[in-house]
Amino acid sequence: MNMATSSTSRETFHGSDTRHDEMFSMIDTWLEDLVCKVDDAVSSKQFKE
């Protein structure tokens, strides 16, 4: 079974005053999601085999 998945997400940041904070917040969210998925994969039966 191929565990690789592809996901495309597009975010837009409109306000120039808040764009920097919004971008970094979204990156943090993506990184947290990635860490959770890696943790799930590492603990999976398929990974351990």
N, C-alpha and C. Protein backbone atom coordinates (compact mmCIF):
# COMPACT_ATOMS: atom_id res chain seq x y z
N MET A 1 0.85 -1.18 0.00
CA MET A 1 0.00 0.00 0.00
C MET A 1 0.90 1.24 0.00
N ASN A 2 0.55 2.18 -0.82
CA ASN A 2 1.31 3.42 -0.90
C ASN A 2 0.73 4.41 0.10
N MET A 3 1.55 4.80 1.07
CA MET A 3 1.08 5.71 2.11
C MET A 3 1.24 7.17 1.71
N ALA A 4 1.95 7.41 0.60
CA ALA A 4 2.18 8.79 0.18
C ALA A 4 0.87 9.38 -0.33
N THR A 5 0.59 10.57 0.11
CA THR A 5 -0.59 11.27 -0.36
C THR A 5 -0.17 12.66 -0.81
N SER A 6 -0.97 13.20 -1.67
CA SER A 6 -0.69 14.54 -2.15
C SER A 6 -1.85 15.43 -1.76
N SER A 7 -1.52 16.57 -1.22
CA SER A 7 -2.54 17.51 -0.82
C SER A 7 -2.11 18.91 -1.24
N THR A 8 -3.01 19.60 -1.86
CA THR A 8 -2.70 20.95 -2.28
C THR A 8 -3.61 21.90 -1.53
N SER A 9 -3.00 22.90 -0.96
CA SER A 9 -3.76 23.89 -0.21
C SER A 9 -3.27 25.27 -0.61
N ARG A 10 -4.19 26.15 -0.84
CA ARG A 10 -3.81 27.51 -1.19
C ARG A 10 -4.42 28.45 -0.17
N GLU A 11 -3.60 29.31 0.35
CA GLU A 11 -4.05 30.31 1.32
C GLU A 11 -3.82 31.69 0.72
N THR A 12 -4.69 32.61 1.06
CA THR A 12 -4.49 33.99 0.63
C THR A 12 -4.43 34.88 1.86
N PHE A 13 -3.60 35.88 1.77
CA PHE A 13 -3.40 36.81 2.88
C PHE A 13 -3.61 38.22 2.34
N HIS A 14 -4.68 38.84 2.74
CA HIS A 14 -5.10 40.09 2.12
C HIS A 14 -4.51 41.34 2.74
N GLY A 15 -4.60 41.49 4.01
CA GLY A 15 -4.18 42.73 4.66
C GLY A 15 -2.68 42.82 4.80
N SER A 16 -2.08 43.84 4.23
CA SER A 16 -0.63 43.95 4.32
C SER A 16 -0.17 44.17 5.76
N ASP A 17 -1.02 44.73 6.60
CA ASP A 17 -0.67 44.96 8.00
C ASP A 17 -0.54 43.66 8.78
N THR A 18 -1.34 42.66 8.43
CA THR A 18 -1.35 41.41 9.17
C THR A 18 -0.80 40.23 8.38
N ARG A 19 -0.40 40.48 7.15
CA ARG A 19 0.03 39.38 6.26
C ARG A 19 1.17 38.56 6.89
N HIS A 20 2.17 39.21 7.42
CA HIS A 20 3.33 38.51 8.00
C HIS A 20 2.89 37.56 9.11
N ASP A 21 2.09 38.06 10.04
CA ASP A 21 1.62 37.23 11.16
C ASP A 21 0.73 36.09 10.67
N GLU A 22 -0.13 36.37 9.71
CA GLU A 22 -1.02 35.33 9.18
C GLU A 22 -0.22 34.24 8.49
N MET A 23 0.79 34.63 7.73
CA MET A 23 1.62 33.64 7.03
C MET A 23 2.35 32.75 8.02
N PHE A 24 2.96 33.34 9.03
CA PHE A 24 3.69 32.53 10.00
C PHE A 24 2.76 31.66 10.82
N SER A 25 1.58 32.14 11.11
CA SER A 25 0.60 31.33 11.82
C SER A 25 0.20 30.11 10.98
N MET A 26 -0.02 30.33 9.68
CA MET A 26 -0.40 29.23 8.80
C MET A 26 0.75 28.23 8.67
N ILE A 27 1.96 28.70 8.57
CA ILE A 27 3.12 27.81 8.50
C ILE A 27 3.22 26.98 9.77
N ASP A 28 3.03 27.60 10.92
CA ASP A 28 3.04 26.86 12.19
C ASP A 28 1.98 25.77 12.20
N THR A 29 0.79 26.08 11.70
CA THR A 29 -0.29 25.11 11.63
C THR A 29 0.09 23.95 10.73
N TRP A 30 0.65 24.25 9.56
CA TRP A 30 1.07 23.19 8.64
C TRP A 30 2.16 22.31 9.27
N LEU A 31 3.10 22.93 9.96
CA LEU A 31 4.17 22.15 10.60
C LEU A 31 3.62 21.25 11.70
N GLU A 32 2.70 21.75 12.49
CA GLU A 32 2.08 20.93 13.54
C GLU A 32 1.36 19.74 12.92
N ASP A 33 0.66 19.97 11.82
CA ASP A 33 -0.05 18.90 11.12
C ASP A 33 0.95 17.88 10.57
N LEU A 34 2.05 18.36 10.00
CA LEU A 34 3.08 17.46 9.47
C LEU A 34 3.68 16.60 10.59
N VAL A 35 3.98 17.21 11.72
CA VAL A 35 4.56 16.46 12.85
C VAL A 35 3.59 15.37 13.30
N CYS A 36 2.32 15.68 13.39
CA CYS A 36 1.31 14.69 13.80
C CYS A 36 1.25 13.53 12.80
N LYS A 37 1.29 13.86 11.52
CA LYS A 37 1.21 12.81 10.49
C LYS A 37 2.47 11.95 10.50
N VAL A 38 3.62 12.55 10.71
CA VAL A 38 4.86 11.78 10.80
C VAL A 38 4.83 10.88 12.03
N ASP A 39 4.38 11.40 13.15
CA ASP A 39 4.26 10.58 14.37
C ASP A 39 3.33 9.39 14.13
N ASP A 40 2.20 9.63 13.47
CA ASP A 40 1.27 8.55 13.16
C ASP A 40 1.92 7.51 12.26
N ALA A 41 2.65 7.98 11.26
CA ALA A 41 3.30 7.07 10.32
C ALA A 41 4.36 6.24 11.03
N VAL A 42 5.16 6.86 11.86
CA VAL A 42 6.24 6.16 12.55
C VAL A 42 5.69 5.09 13.49
N SER A 43 4.56 5.36 14.07
CA SER A 43 3.99 4.39 15.01
C SER A 43 3.10 3.35 14.32
N SER A 44 2.94 3.44 13.01
CA SER A 44 2.07 2.52 12.30
C SER A 44 2.71 1.14 12.15
N LYS A 45 1.89 0.15 12.00
CA LYS A 45 2.36 -1.21 11.83
C LYS A 45 3.18 -1.34 10.56
N GLN A 46 2.76 -0.69 9.49
CA GLN A 46 3.47 -0.76 8.22
C GLN A 46 4.89 -0.21 8.34
N PHE A 47 5.06 0.85 9.08
CA PHE A 47 6.38 1.44 9.25
C PHE A 47 7.29 0.52 10.04
N LYS A 48 6.73 -0.16 11.01
CA LYS A 48 7.53 -1.02 11.88
C LYS A 48 7.95 -2.32 11.20
N GLU A 49 7.29 -2.68 10.10
CA GLU A 49 7.62 -3.93 9.41
C GLU A 49 8.85 -3.81 8.58
